[in-house]
């Protein structure tokens, strides 16, 4: 018996690497993520500023605080969605498995007697 490194079927267990290529979609996603995070930071800073001026007695600042807070939440959500899209495009994550209750093709009937009897 030959070892794992010899024999007629010896070879690399890895497949060929996919050629790396420039994908402008990834650059666009990275720019969107960066802009979204910067906008989120600015809106959080503005919300803190509006909150301190609202506590100081300016009643109109409460509205600006609410608008800045909702905008910050929206920017963070948008940025996280862009991160998920980028991870999907890079192949780090996979789409969820289909949970369709009715498959396109019906399953084959099970053989009588189980798998051993089908041999």
PDB file of N, CA and C in Angstrom:
ATOM      1  N   UNK A   1       0.849  -1.174   0.000  1.00  0.00           N
ATOM      2  CA  UNK A   1       0.000   0.000   0.000  1.00  0.00           C
ATOM      3  C   UNK A   1       0.892   1.233   0.000  1.00  0.00           C
ATOM      4  N   UNK A   2       0.547   2.181  -0.796  1.00  0.00           N
ATOM      5  CA  UNK A   2       1.361   3.396  -0.895  1.00  0.00           C
ATOM      6  C   UNK A   2       0.835   4.445   0.063  1.00  0.00           C
ATOM      7  N   UNK A   3       1.670   5.396   0.392  1.00  0.00           N
ATOM      8  CA  UNK A   3       1.286   6.468   1.302  1.00  0.00           C
ATOM      9  C   UNK A   3       0.369   7.480   0.627  1.00  0.00           C
ATOM     10  N   UNK A   4       0.027   8.482   1.368  1.00  0.00           N
ATOM     11  CA  UNK A   4      -0.897   9.503   0.869  1.00  0.00           C
ATOM     12  C   UNK A   4      -0.242  10.387  -0.190  1.00  0.00           C
ATOM     13  N   UNK A   5       1.084  10.357  -0.250  1.00  0.00           N
ATOM     14  CA  UNK A   5       1.759  11.229  -1.214  1.00  0.00           C
ATOM     15  C   UNK A   5       2.108  10.527  -2.512  1.00  0.00           C
ATOM     16  N   UNK A   6       1.887   9.254  -2.596  1.00  0.00           N
ATOM     17  CA  UNK A   6       2.236   8.531  -3.807  1.00  0.00           C
ATOM     18  C   UNK A   6       1.034   7.832  -4.394  1.00  0.00           C
ATOM     19  N   UNK A   7       1.231   7.199  -5.502  1.00  0.00           N
ATOM     20  CA  UNK A   7       0.146   6.464  -6.134  1.00  0.00           C
ATOM     21  C   UNK A   7      -0.315   7.155  -7.404  1.00  0.00           C
ATOM     22  N   UNK A   8      -1.137   6.432  -8.156  1.00  0.00           N
ATOM     23  CA  UNK A   8      -1.534   6.995  -9.443  1.00  0.00           C
ATOM     24  C   UNK A   8      -2.565   8.109  -9.311  1.00  0.00           C
ATOM     25  N   UNK A   9      -3.211   8.217  -8.161  1.00  0.00           N
ATOM     26  CA  UNK A   9      -4.194   9.289  -7.986  1.00  0.00           C
ATOM     27  C   UNK A   9      -3.670  10.398  -7.089  1.00  0.00           C
ATOM     28  N   UNK A  10      -2.375  10.427  -6.887  1.00  0.00           N
ATOM     29  CA  UNK A  10      -1.782  11.446  -6.034  1.00  0.00           C
ATOM     30  C   UNK A  10      -1.817  12.790  -6.747  1.00  0.00           C
ATOM     31  N   UNK A  11      -2.115  13.782  -6.023  1.00  0.00           N
ATOM     32  CA  UNK A  11      -2.143  15.123  -6.602  1.00  0.00           C
ATOM     33  C   UNK A  11      -2.664  16.117  -5.588  1.00  0.00           C
ATOM     34  N   UNK A  12      -2.746  17.301  -6.012  1.00  0.00           N
ATOM     35  CA  UNK A  12      -3.218  18.355  -5.137  1.00  0.00           C
ATOM     36  C   UNK A  12      -4.715  18.208  -4.889  1.00  0.00           C
ATOM     37  N   UNK A  13      -5.118  18.420  -3.680  1.00  0.00           N
ATOM     38  CA  UNK A  13      -6.536  18.337  -3.343  1.00  0.00           C
ATOM     39  C   UNK A  13      -7.232  19.681  -3.530  1.00  0.00           C
ATOM     40  N   UNK A  14      -6.499  20.679  -3.805  1.00  0.00           N
ATOM     41  CA  UNK A  14      -7.075  21.998  -4.014  1.00  0.00           C
ATOM     42  C   UNK A  14      -7.358  22.231  -5.485  1.00  0.00           C
ATOM     43  N   UNK A  15      -8.416  22.986  -5.725  1.00  0.00           N
ATOM     44  CA  UNK A  15      -8.726  23.359  -7.094  1.00  0.00           C
ATOM     45  C   UNK A  15      -7.887  24.549  -7.513  1.00  0.00           C
ATOM     46  N   UNK A  16      -7.994  24.903  -8.754  1.00  0.00           N
ATOM     47  CA  UNK A  16      -7.260  26.065  -9.233  1.00  0.00           C
ATOM     48  C   UNK A  16      -7.857  27.326  -8.647  1.00  0.00           C
ATOM     49  N   UNK A  17      -7.000  28.272  -8.351  1.00  0.00           N
ATOM     50  CA  UNK A  17      -7.473  29.549  -7.833  1.00  0.00           C
ATOM     51  C   UNK A  17      -8.092  30.349  -8.964  1.00  0.00           C
ATOM     52  N   UNK A  18      -9.138  31.056  -8.606  1.00  0.00           N
ATOM     53  CA  UNK A  18      -9.770  31.927  -9.594  1.00  0.00           C
ATOM     54  C   UNK A  18      -8.844  33.112  -9.866  1.00  0.00           C
ATOM     55  N   UNK A  19      -8.728  33.506 -11.114  1.00  0.00           N
ATOM     56  CA  UNK A  19      -7.849  34.640 -11.408  1.00  0.00           C
ATOM     57  C   UNK A  19      -8.398  35.920 -10.778  1.00  0.00           C
ATOM     58  N   UNK A  20      -7.512  36.673 -10.175  1.00  0.00           N
ATOM     59  CA  UNK A  20      -7.925  37.925  -9.562  1.00  0.00           C
ATOM     60  C   UNK A  20      -8.073  38.976 -10.645  1.00  0.00           C
ATOM     61  N   UNK A  21      -9.131  39.725 -10.527  1.00  0.00           N
ATOM     62  CA  UNK A  21      -9.361  40.777 -11.501  1.00  0.00           C
ATOM     63  C   UNK A  21      -9.941  41.986 -10.800  1.00  0.00           C
ATOM     64  N   UNK A  22      -9.775  43.123 -11.398  1.00  0.00           N
ATOM     65  CA  UNK A  22     -10.301  44.365 -10.853  1.00  0.00           C
ATOM     66  C   UNK A  22     -11.798  44.400 -11.078  1.00  0.00           C
ATOM     67  N   UNK A  23     -12.543  44.620  -9.984  1.00  0.00           N
ATOM     68  CA  UNK A  23     -13.992  44.704 -10.082  1.00  0.00           C
ATOM     69  C   UNK A  23     -14.429  46.083  -9.591  1.00  0.00           C
ATOM     70  N   UNK A  24     -14.873  46.931 -10.510  1.00  0.00           N
ATOM     71  CA  UNK A  24     -15.245  48.289 -10.103  1.00  0.00           C
ATOM     72  C   UNK A  24     -16.453  48.329  -9.177  1.00  0.00           C
ATOM     73  N   UNK A  25     -17.267  47.296  -9.176  1.00  0.00           N
ATOM     74  CA  UNK A  25     -18.427  47.264  -8.284  1.00  0.00           C
ATOM     75  C   UNK A  25     -17.961  47.262  -6.828  1.00  0.00           C
ATOM     76  N   UNK A  26     -16.876  46.542  -6.539  1.00  0.00           N
ATOM     77  CA  UNK A  26     -16.359  46.502  -5.181  1.00  0.00           C
ATOM     78  C   UNK A  26     -15.817  47.860  -4.760  1.00  0.00           C
ATOM     79  N   UNK A  27     -15.203  48.568  -5.678  1.00  0.00           N
ATOM     80  CA  UNK A  27     -14.705  49.913  -5.381  1.00  0.00           C
ATOM     81  C   UNK A  27     -15.868  50.850  -5.091  1.00  0.00           C
ATOM     82  N   UNK A  28     -16.932  50.722  -5.846  1.00  0.00           N
ATOM     83  CA  UNK A  28     -18.120  51.542  -5.630  1.00  0.00           C
ATOM     84  C   UNK A  28     -18.773  51.215  -4.281  1.00  0.00           C
ATOM     85  N   UNK A  29     -18.838  49.936  -3.934  1.00  0.00           N
ATOM     86  CA  UNK A  29     -19.384  49.546  -2.635  1.00  0.00           C
ATOM     87  C   UNK A  29     -18.526  50.075  -1.488  1.00  0.00           C
ATOM     88  N   UNK A  30     -17.202  50.005  -1.644  1.00  0.00           N
ATOM     89  CA  UNK A  30     -16.307  50.518  -0.601  1.00  0.00           C
ATOM     90  C   UNK A  30     -16.476  52.025  -0.427  1.00  0.00           C
ATOM     91  N   UNK A  31     -16.642  52.743  -1.523  1.00  0.00           N
ATOM     92  CA  UNK A  31     -16.870  54.193  -1.429  1.00  0.00           C
ATOM     93  C   UNK A  31     -18.209  54.487  -0.754  1.00  0.00           C
ATOM     94  N   UNK A  32     -19.233  53.719  -1.074  1.00  0.00           N
ATOM     95  CA  UNK A  32     -20.537  53.899  -0.440  1.00  0.00           C
ATOM     96  C   UNK A  32     -20.489  53.619   1.046  1.00  0.00           C
ATOM     97  N   UNK A  33     -19.753  52.581   1.436  1.00  0.00           N
ATOM     98  CA  UNK A  33     -19.613  52.261   2.855  1.00  0.00           C
ATOM     99  C   UNK A  33     -18.898  53.398   3.578  1.00  0.00           C
ATOM    100  N   UNK A  34     -17.834  53.903   2.970  1.00  0.00           N
ATOM    101  CA  UNK A  34     -17.082  54.991   3.585  1.00  0.00           C
ATOM    102  C   UNK A  34     -17.941  56.234   3.746  1.00  0.00           C
ATOM    103  N   UNK A  35     -18.664  56.608   2.701  1.00  0.00           N
ATOM    104  CA  UNK A  35     -19.526  57.790   2.785  1.00  0.00           C
ATOM    105  C   UNK A  35     -20.637  57.600   3.811  1.00  0.00           C
ATOM    106  N   UNK A  36     -21.181  56.426   3.878  1.00  0.00           N
ATOM    107  CA  UNK A  36     -22.248  56.150   4.832  1.00  0.00           C
ATOM    108  C   UNK A  36     -21.747  56.252   6.272  1.00  0.00           C
ATOM    109  N   UNK A  37     -20.572  55.728   6.541  1.00  0.00           N
ATOM    110  CA  UNK A  37     -20.019  55.781   7.893  1.00  0.00           C
ATOM    111  C   UNK A  37     -19.641  57.207   8.271  1.00  0.00           C
ATOM    112  N   UNK A  38     -19.098  57.962   7.321  1.00  0.00           N
ATOM    113  CA  UNK A  38     -18.761  59.363   7.599  1.00  0.00           C
ATOM    114  C   UNK A  38     -20.035  60.171   7.868  1.00  0.00           C
ATOM    115  N   UNK A  39     -21.081  59.951   7.076  1.00  0.00           N
ATOM    116  CA  UNK A  39     -22.348  60.652   7.302  1.00  0.00           C
ATOM    117  C   UNK A  39     -22.952  60.253   8.638  1.00  0.00           C
ATOM    118  N   UNK A  40     -22.841  58.975   9.001  1.00  0.00           N
ATOM    119  CA  UNK A  40     -23.339  58.519  10.293  1.00  0.00           C
ATOM    120  C   UNK A  40     -22.611  59.238  11.431  1.00  0.00           C
ATOM    121  N   UNK A  41     -21.292  59.329  11.345  1.00  0.00           N
ATOM    122  CA  UNK A  41     -20.516  60.012  12.379  1.00  0.00           C
ATOM    123  C   UNK A  41     -20.892  61.476  12.500  1.00  0.00           C
ATOM    124  N   UNK A  42     -21.053  62.147  11.361  1.00  0.00           N
ATOM    125  CA  UNK A  42     -21.438  63.558  11.396  1.00  0.00           C
ATOM    126  C   UNK A  42     -22.821  63.737  12.008  1.00  0.00           C
ATOM    127  N   UNK A  43     -23.760  62.873  11.656  1.00  0.00           N
ATOM    128  CA  UNK A  43     -25.107  62.993  12.204  1.00  0.00           C
ATOM    129  C   UNK A  43     -25.154  62.682  13.701  1.00  0.00           C
ATOM    130  N   UNK A  44     -24.346  61.765  14.159  1.00  0.00           N
ATOM    131  CA  UNK A  44     -24.271  61.492  15.596  1.00  0.00           C
ATOM    132  C   UNK A  44     -23.698  62.710  16.319  1.00  0.00           C
ATOM    133  N   UNK A  45     -22.654  63.297  15.756  1.00  0.00           N
ATOM    134  CA  UNK A  45     -22.074  64.513  16.344  1.00  0.00           C
ATOM    135  C   UNK A  45     -23.101  65.642  16.369  1.00  0.00           C
ATOM    136  N   UNK A  46     -23.851  65.807  15.277  1.00  0.00           N
ATOM    137  CA  UNK A  46     -24.882  66.845  15.213  1.00  0.00           C
ATOM    138  C   UNK A  46     -25.995  66.569  16.215  1.00  0.00           C
ATOM    139  N   UNK A  47     -26.385  65.313  16.379  1.00  0.00           N
ATOM    140  CA  UNK A  47     -27.430  64.974  17.341  1.00  0.00           C
ATOM    141  C   UNK A  47     -26.987  65.292  18.760  1.00  0.00           C
ATOM    142  N   UNK A  48     -25.733  65.027  19.074  1.00  0.00           N
ATOM    143  CA  UNK A  48     -25.212  65.372  20.402  1.00  0.00           C
ATOM    144  C   UNK A  48     -25.240  66.882  20.602  1.00  0.00           C
ATOM    145  N   UNK A  49     -24.835  67.615  19.579  1.00  0.00           N
ATOM    146  CA  UNK A  49     -24.837  69.079  19.662  1.00  0.00           C
ATOM    147  C   UNK A  49     -26.261  69.623  19.808  1.00  0.00           C
ATOM    148  N   UNK A  50     -27.193  69.102  19.014  1.00  0.00           N
ATOM    149  CA  UNK A  50     -28.586  69.547  19.116  1.00  0.00           C
ATOM    150  C   UNK A  50     -29.190  69.167  20.466  1.00  0.00           C
ATOM    151  N   UNK A  51     -28.791  68.021  20.998  1.00  0.00           N
ATOM    152  CA  UNK A  51     -29.297  67.608  22.305  1.00  0.00           C
ATOM    153  C   UNK A  51     -28.831  68.534  23.416  1.00  0.00           C
ATOM    154  N   UNK A  52     -27.572  68.957  23.354  1.00  0.00           N
ATOM    155  CA  UNK A  52     -27.087  69.870  24.391  1.00  0.00           C
ATOM    156  C   UNK A  52     -27.733  71.244  24.278  1.00  0.00           C
ATOM    157  N   UNK A  53     -27.974  71.710  23.042  1.00  0.00           N
ATOM    158  CA  UNK A  53     -28.641  73.014  22.899  1.00  0.00           C
ATOM    159  C   UNK A  53     -30.132  72.903  23.238  1.00  0.00           C
ATOM    160  N   UNK A  54     -30.743  71.727  23.022  1.00  0.00           N
ATOM    161  CA  UNK A  54     -32.145  71.550  23.378  1.00  0.00           C
ATOM    162  C   UNK A  54     -32.317  71.539  24.896  1.00  0.00           C
ATOM    163  N   UNK A  55     -31.367  70.937  25.588  1.00  0.00           N
ATOM    164  CA  UNK A  55     -31.439  70.944  27.058  1.00  0.00           C
ATOM    165  C   UNK A  55     -31.153  72.323  27.621  1.00  0.00           C
ATOM    166  N   UNK A  56     -30.509  73.167  26.799  1.00  0.00           N
ATOM    167  CA  UNK A  56     -30.224  74.534  27.221  1.00  0.00           C
ATOM    168  C   UNK A  56     -31.428  75.455  27.111  1.00  0.00           C
ATOM    169  N   UNK A  57     -32.490  75.010  26.466  1.00  0.00           N
ATOM    170  CA  UNK A  57     -33.696  75.825  26.420  1.00  0.00           C
ATOM    171  C   UNK A  57     -34.234  76.091  25.030  1.00  0.00           C
ATOM    172  N   UNK A  58     -33.516  75.709  23.990  1.00  0.00           N
ATOM    173  CA  UNK A  58     -34.025  75.930  22.631  1.00  0.00           C
ATOM    174  C   UNK A  58     -35.004  74.806  22.286  1.00  0.00           C
ATOM    175  N   UNK A  59     -36.267  75.158  22.096  1.00  0.00           N
ATOM    176  CA  UNK A  59     -37.279  74.127  21.846  1.00  0.00           C
ATOM    177  C   UNK A  59     -37.208  73.587  20.417  1.00  0.00           C
ATOM    178  N   UNK A  60     -36.714  74.389  19.479  1.00  0.00           N
ATOM    179  CA  UNK A  60     -36.624  73.936  18.086  1.00  0.00           C
ATOM    180  C   UNK A  60     -35.520  72.898  17.906  1.00  0.00           C
ATOM    181  N   UNK A  61     -34.556  72.883  18.790  1.00  0.00           N
ATOM    182  CA  UNK A  61     -33.436  71.941  18.683  1.00  0.00           C
ATOM    183  C   UNK A  61     -33.887  70.505  18.896  1.00  0.00           C
ATOM    184  N   UNK A  62     -35.033  70.298  19.608  1.00  0.00           N
ATOM    185  CA  UNK A  62     -35.538  68.937  19.788  1.00  0.00           C
ATOM    186  C   UNK A  62     -35.913  68.315  18.447  1.00  0.00           C
ATOM    187  N   UNK A  63     -36.488  69.106  17.551  1.00  0.00           N
ATOM    188  CA  UNK A  63     -36.840  68.591  16.217  1.00  0.00           C
ATOM    189  C   UNK A  63     -35.586  68.230  15.430  1.00  0.00           C
ATOM    190  N   UNK A  64     -34.574  69.108  15.508  1.00  0.00           N
ATOM    191  CA  UNK A  64     -33.322  68.808  14.807  1.00  0.00           C
ATOM    192  C   UNK A  64     -32.643  67.577  15.396  1.00  0.00           C
ATOM    193  N   UNK A  65     -32.743  67.410  16.708  1.00  0.00           N
ATOM    194  CA  UNK A  65     -32.194  66.224  17.357  1.00  0.00           C
ATOM    195  C   UNK A  65     -32.879  64.958  16.838  1.00  0.00           C
ATOM    196  N   UNK A  66     -34.198  65.002  16.726  1.00  0.00           N
ATOM    197  CA  UNK A  66     -34.938  63.830  16.229  1.00  0.00           C
ATOM    198  C   UNK A  66     -34.577  63.527  14.781  1.00  0.00           C
ATOM    199  N   UNK A  67     -34.498  64.561  13.951  1.00  0.00           N
ATOM    200  CA  UNK A  67     -34.158  64.352  12.534  1.00  0.00           C
ATOM    201  C   UNK A  67     -32.742  63.810  12.395  1.00  0.00           C
ATOM    202  N   UNK A  68     -31.796  64.356  13.167  1.00  0.00           N
ATOM    203  CA  UNK A  68     -30.406  63.883  13.099  1.00  0.00           C
ATOM    204  C   UNK A  68     -30.305  62.439  13.590  1.00  0.00           C
ATOM    205  N   UNK A  69     -31.078  62.086  14.611  1.00  0.00           N
ATOM    206  CA  UNK A  69     -31.041  60.713  15.131  1.00  0.00           C
ATOM    207  C   UNK A  69     -31.584  59.711  14.120  1.00  0.00           C
ATOM    208  N   UNK A  70     -32.704  60.046  13.490  1.00  0.00           N
ATOM    209  CA  UNK A  70     -33.277  59.153  12.473  1.00  0.00           C
ATOM    210  C   UNK A  70     -32.333  59.041  11.271  1.00  0.00           C
ATOM    211  N   UNK A  71     -31.722  60.152  10.896  1.00  0.00           N
ATOM    212  CA  UNK A  71     -30.755  60.116   9.794  1.00  0.00           C
ATOM    213  C   UNK A  71     -29.546  59.265  10.122  1.00  0.00           C
ATOM    214  N   UNK A  72     -29.068  59.330  11.363  1.00  0.00           N
ATOM    215  CA  UNK A  72     -27.922  58.514  11.769  1.00  0.00           C
ATOM    216  C   UNK A  72     -28.269  57.030  11.736  1.00  0.00           C
ATOM    217  N   UNK A  73     -29.466  56.693  12.193  1.00  0.00           N
ATOM    218  CA  UNK A  73     -29.888  55.284  12.155  1.00  0.00           C
ATOM    219  C   UNK A  73     -29.981  54.804  10.709  1.00  0.00           C
ATOM    220  N   UNK A  74     -30.532  55.643   9.827  1.00  0.00           N
ATOM    221  CA  UNK A  74     -30.666  55.262   8.415  1.00  0.00           C
ATOM    222  C   UNK A  74     -29.303  55.089   7.760  1.00  0.00           C
ATOM    223  N   UNK A  75     -28.355  55.983   8.055  1.00  0.00           N
ATOM    224  CA  UNK A  75     -27.013  55.864   7.463  1.00  0.00           C
ATOM    225  C   UNK A  75     -26.298  54.605   7.946  1.00  0.00           C
ATOM    226  N   UNK A  76     -26.439  54.300   9.228  1.00  0.00           N
ATOM    227  CA  UNK A  76     -25.798  53.094   9.741  1.00  0.00           C
ATOM    228  C   UNK A  76     -26.413  51.842   9.135  1.00  0.00           C
ATOM    229  N   UNK A  77     -27.726  51.803   9.001  1.00  0.00           N
ATOM    230  CA  UNK A  77     -28.392  50.660   8.385  1.00  0.00           C
ATOM    231  C   UNK A  77     -27.955  50.496   6.932  1.00  0.00           C
ATOM    232  N   UNK A  78     -27.926  51.603   6.199  1.00  0.00           N
ATOM    233  CA  UNK A  78     -27.502  51.570   4.799  1.00  0.00           C
ATOM    234  C   UNK A  78     -26.059  51.080   4.677  1.00  0.00           C
ATOM    235  N   UNK A  79     -25.192  51.556   5.563  1.00  0.00           N
ATOM    236  CA  UNK A  79     -23.795  51.120   5.541  1.00  0.00           C
ATOM    237  C   UNK A  79     -23.653  49.637   5.827  1.00  0.00           C
ATOM    238  N   UNK A  80     -24.422  49.132   6.780  1.00  0.00           N
ATOM    239  CA  UNK A  80     -24.357  47.706   7.085  1.00  0.00           C
ATOM    240  C   UNK A  80     -24.895  46.853   5.934  1.00  0.00           C
ATOM    241  N   UNK A  81     -25.899  47.348   5.242  1.00  0.00           N
ATOM    242  CA  UNK A  81     -26.405  46.620   4.073  1.00  0.00           C
ATOM    243  C   UNK A  81     -25.351  46.591   2.960  1.00  0.00           C
ATOM    244  N   UNK A  82     -24.631  47.693   2.801  1.00  0.00           N
ATOM    245  CA  UNK A  82     -23.555  47.718   1.805  1.00  0.00           C
ATOM    246  C   UNK A  82     -22.422  46.775   2.186  1.00  0.00           C
ATOM    247  N   UNK A  83     -22.126  46.663   3.484  1.00  0.00           N
ATOM    248  CA  UNK A  83     -21.103  45.713   3.939  1.00  0.00           C
ATOM    249  C   UNK A  83     -21.548  44.286   3.622  1.00  0.00           C
ATOM    250  N   UNK A  84     -22.821  43.986   3.855  1.00  0.00           N
ATOM    251  CA  UNK A  84     -23.334  42.642   3.548  1.00  0.00           C
ATOM    252  C   UNK A  84     -23.245  42.355   2.049  1.00  0.00           C
ATOM    253  N   UNK A  85     -23.562  43.351   1.229  1.00  0.00           N
ATOM    254  CA  UNK A  85     -23.455  43.160  -0.223  1.00  0.00           C
ATOM    255  C   UNK A  85     -22.015  42.926  -0.643  1.00  0.00           C
ATOM    256  N   UNK A  86     -21.089  43.665  -0.028  1.00  0.00           N
ATOM    257  CA  UNK A  86     -19.683  43.507  -0.382  1.00  0.00           C
ATOM    258  C   UNK A  86     -19.170  42.127   0.021  1.00  0.00           C
ATOM    259  N   UNK A  87     -19.553  41.655   1.199  1.00  0.00           N
ATOM    260  CA  UNK A  87     -19.131  40.324   1.627  1.00  0.00           C
ATOM    261  C   UNK A  87     -19.702  39.245   0.713  1.00  0.00           C
ATOM    262  N   UNK A  88     -20.915  39.444   0.232  1.00  0.00           N
ATOM    263  CA  UNK A  88     -21.519  38.488  -0.688  1.00  0.00           C
ATOM    264  C   UNK A  88     -20.764  38.487  -2.012  1.00  0.00           C
ATOM    265  N   UNK A  89     -20.404  39.681  -2.509  1.00  0.00           N
ATOM    266  CA  UNK A  89     -19.675  39.762  -3.790  1.00  0.00           C
ATOM    267  C   UNK A  89     -18.271  39.184  -3.691  1.00  0.00           C
ATOM    268  N   UNK A  90     -17.641  39.325  -2.508  1.00  0.00           N
ATOM    269  CA  UNK A  90     -16.305  38.778  -2.325  1.00  0.00           C
ATOM    270  C   UNK A  90     -16.320  37.269  -2.140  1.00  0.00           C
ATOM    271  N   UNK A  91     -17.494  36.711  -1.892  1.00  0.00           N
ATOM    272  CA  UNK A  91     -17.602  35.267  -1.719  1.00  0.00           C
ATOM    273  C   UNK A  91     -17.364  34.817  -0.290  1.00  0.00           C
ATOM    274  N   UNK A  92     -17.334  35.752   0.661  1.00  0.00           N
ATOM    275  CA  UNK A  92     -17.122  35.393   2.058  1.00  0.00           C
ATOM    276  C   UNK A  92     -18.399  34.812   2.651  1.00  0.00           C
ATOM    277  N   UNK A  93     -19.542  35.355   2.273  1.00  0.00           N
ATOM    278  CA  UNK A  93     -20.825  34.824   2.724  1.00  0.00           C
ATOM    279  C   UNK A  93     -21.595  34.282   1.534  1.00  0.00           C
ATOM    280  N   UNK A  94     -22.580  33.444   1.827  1.00  0.00           N
ATOM    281  CA  UNK A  94     -23.412  32.861   0.778  1.00  0.00           C
ATOM    282  C   UNK A  94     -24.852  33.299   0.958  1.00  0.00           C
ATOM    283  N   UNK A  95     -25.641  33.288  -0.112  1.00  0.00           N
ATOM    284  CA  UNK A  95     -27.059  33.604   0.053  1.00  0.00           C
ATOM    285  C   UNK A  95     -27.747  32.526   0.877  1.00  0.00           C
ATOM    286  N   UNK A  96     -28.833  32.874   1.554  1.00  0.00           N
ATOM    287  CA  UNK A  96     -29.520  31.864   2.358  1.00  0.00           C
ATOM    288  C   UNK A  96     -30.101  30.765   1.486  1.00  0.00           C
ATOM    289  N   UNK A  97     -30.217  29.592   2.078  1.00  0.00           N
ATOM    290  CA  UNK A  97     -30.786  28.455   1.357  1.00  0.00           C
ATOM    291  C   UNK A  97     -32.260  28.713   1.089  1.00  0.00           C
ATOM    292  N   UNK A  98     -32.729  28.225  -0.026  1.00  0.00           N
ATOM    293  CA  UNK A  98     -34.128  28.422  -0.394  1.00  0.00           C
ATOM    294  C   UNK A  98     -35.016  27.616   0.533  1.00  0.00           C
ATOM    295  N   UNK A  99     -36.045  28.266   1.040  1.00  0.00           N
ATOM    296  CA  UNK A  99     -37.008  27.579   1.911  1.00  0.00           C
ATOM    297  C   UNK A  99     -38.355  27.485   1.212  1.00  0.00           C
ATOM    298  N   UNK A 100     -38.314  27.280  -0.096  1.00  0.00           N
ATOM    299  CA  UNK A 100     -39.534  27.176  -0.887  1.00  0.00           C
ATOM    300  C   UNK A 100     -40.255  25.885  -0.511  1.00  0.00           C
ATOM    301  N   UNK A 101     -41.520  25.955  -0.058  1.00  0.00           N
ATOM    302  CA  UNK A 101     -42.215  24.727   0.363  1.00  0.00           C
ATOM    303  C   UNK A 101     -42.522  23.781  -0.796  1.00  0.00           C
ATOM    304  N   UNK A 102     -42.651  24.314  -2.013  1.00  0.00           N
ATOM    305  CA  UNK A 102     -42.942  23.474  -3.173  1.00  0.00           C
ATOM    306  C   UNK A 102     -41.747  23.491  -4.120  1.00  0.00           C
ATOM    307  N   UNK A 103     -40.907  22.450  -4.087  1.00  0.00           N
ATOM    308  CA  UNK A 103     -39.763  22.417  -4.996  1.00  0.00           C
ATOM    309  C   UNK A 103     -40.226  22.255  -6.445  1.00  0.00           C
ATOM    310  N   UNK A 104     -39.334  22.623  -7.357  1.00  0.00           N
ATOM    311  CA  UNK A 104     -39.658  22.527  -8.783  1.00  0.00           C
ATOM    312  C   UNK A 104     -39.876  21.074  -9.218  1.00  0.00           C
ATOM    313  N   UNK A 105     -39.039  20.189  -8.712  1.00  0.00           N
ATOM    314  CA  UNK A 105     -39.147  18.782  -9.089  1.00  0.00           C
ATOM    315  C   UNK A 105     -39.564  17.977  -7.860  1.00  0.00           C
ATOM    316  N   UNK A 106     -40.538  17.102  -8.009  1.00  0.00           N
ATOM    317  CA  UNK A 106     -40.924  16.287  -6.842  1.00  0.00           C
ATOM    318  C   UNK A 106     -39.830  15.277  -6.522  1.00  0.00           C
ATOM    319  N   UNK A 107     -39.762  14.904  -5.264  1.00  0.00           N
ATOM    320  CA  UNK A 107     -38.760  13.928  -4.847  1.00  0.00           C
ATOM    321  C   UNK A 107     -39.110  12.554  -5.401  1.00  0.00           C
ATOM    322  N   UNK A 108     -38.067  11.773  -5.673  1.00  0.00           N
ATOM    323  CA  UNK A 108     -38.277  10.410  -6.165  1.00  0.00           C
ATOM    324  C   UNK A 108     -38.842   9.566  -5.024  1.00  0.00           C
ATOM    325  N   UNK A 109     -39.720   8.618  -5.337  1.00  0.00           N
ATOM    326  CA  UNK A 109     -40.272   7.782  -4.263  1.00  0.00           C
ATOM    327  C   UNK A 109     -39.184   6.920  -3.642  1.00  0.00           C
ATOM    328  N   UNK A 110     -39.316   6.685  -2.351  1.00  0.00           N
ATOM    329  CA  UNK A 110     -38.326   5.882  -1.643  1.00  0.00           C
ATOM    330  C   UNK A 110     -38.483   4.417  -2.033  1.00  0.00           C
ATOM    331  N   UNK A 111     -37.360   3.733  -2.225  1.00  0.00           N
ATOM    332  CA  UNK A 111     -37.459   2.307  -2.582  1.00  0.00           C
ATOM    333  C   UNK A 111     -37.985   1.489  -1.404  1.00  0.00           C
ATOM    334  N   UNK A 112     -38.726   0.466  -1.726  1.00  0.00           N
ATOM    335  CA  UNK A 112     -39.276  -0.401  -0.694  1.00  0.00           C
ATOM    336  C   UNK A 112     -38.137  -1.225  -0.111  1.00  0.00           C
ATOM    337  N   UNK A 113     -38.030  -1.245   1.183  1.00  0.00           N
ATOM    338  CA  UNK A 113     -36.967  -2.010   1.835  1.00  0.00           C
ATOM    339  C   UNK A 113     -35.757  -1.191   2.187  1.00  0.00           C
ATOM    340  N   UNK A 114     -35.737   0.081   1.846  1.00  0.00           N
ATOM    341  CA  UNK A 114     -34.610   0.943   2.228  1.00  0.00           C
ATOM    342  C   UNK A 114     -33.497   0.956   1.198  1.00  0.00           C
ATOM    343  N   UNK A 115     -32.364   1.495   1.593  1.00  0.00           N
ATOM    344  CA  UNK A 115     -31.246   1.646   0.669  1.00  0.00           C
ATOM    345  C   UNK A 115     -30.577   0.315   0.322  1.00  0.00           C
ATOM    346  N   UNK A 116     -30.516  -0.591   1.271  1.00  0.00           N
ATOM    347  CA  UNK A 116     -29.859  -1.854   1.002  1.00  0.00           C
ATOM    348  C   UNK A 116     -30.613  -2.667  -0.042  1.00  0.00           C
ATOM    349  N   UNK A 117     -31.917  -2.644   0.017  1.00  0.00           N
ATOM    350  CA  UNK A 117     -32.714  -3.415  -0.930  1.00  0.00           C
ATOM    351  C   UNK A 117     -32.630  -2.820  -2.319  1.00  0.00           C
ATOM    352  N   UNK A 118     -32.330  -1.553  -2.438  1.00  0.00           N
ATOM    353  CA  UNK A 118     -32.257  -0.910  -3.746  1.00  0.00           C
ATOM    354  C   UNK A 118     -30.998  -1.294  -4.504  1.00  0.00           C
ATOM    355  N   UNK A 119     -30.020  -1.883  -3.817  1.00  0.00           N
ATOM    356  CA  UNK A 119     -28.747  -2.240  -4.487  1.00  0.00           C
ATOM    357  C   UNK A 119     -28.934  -3.326  -5.415  1.00  0.00           C
TER     358      UNK A 119
END
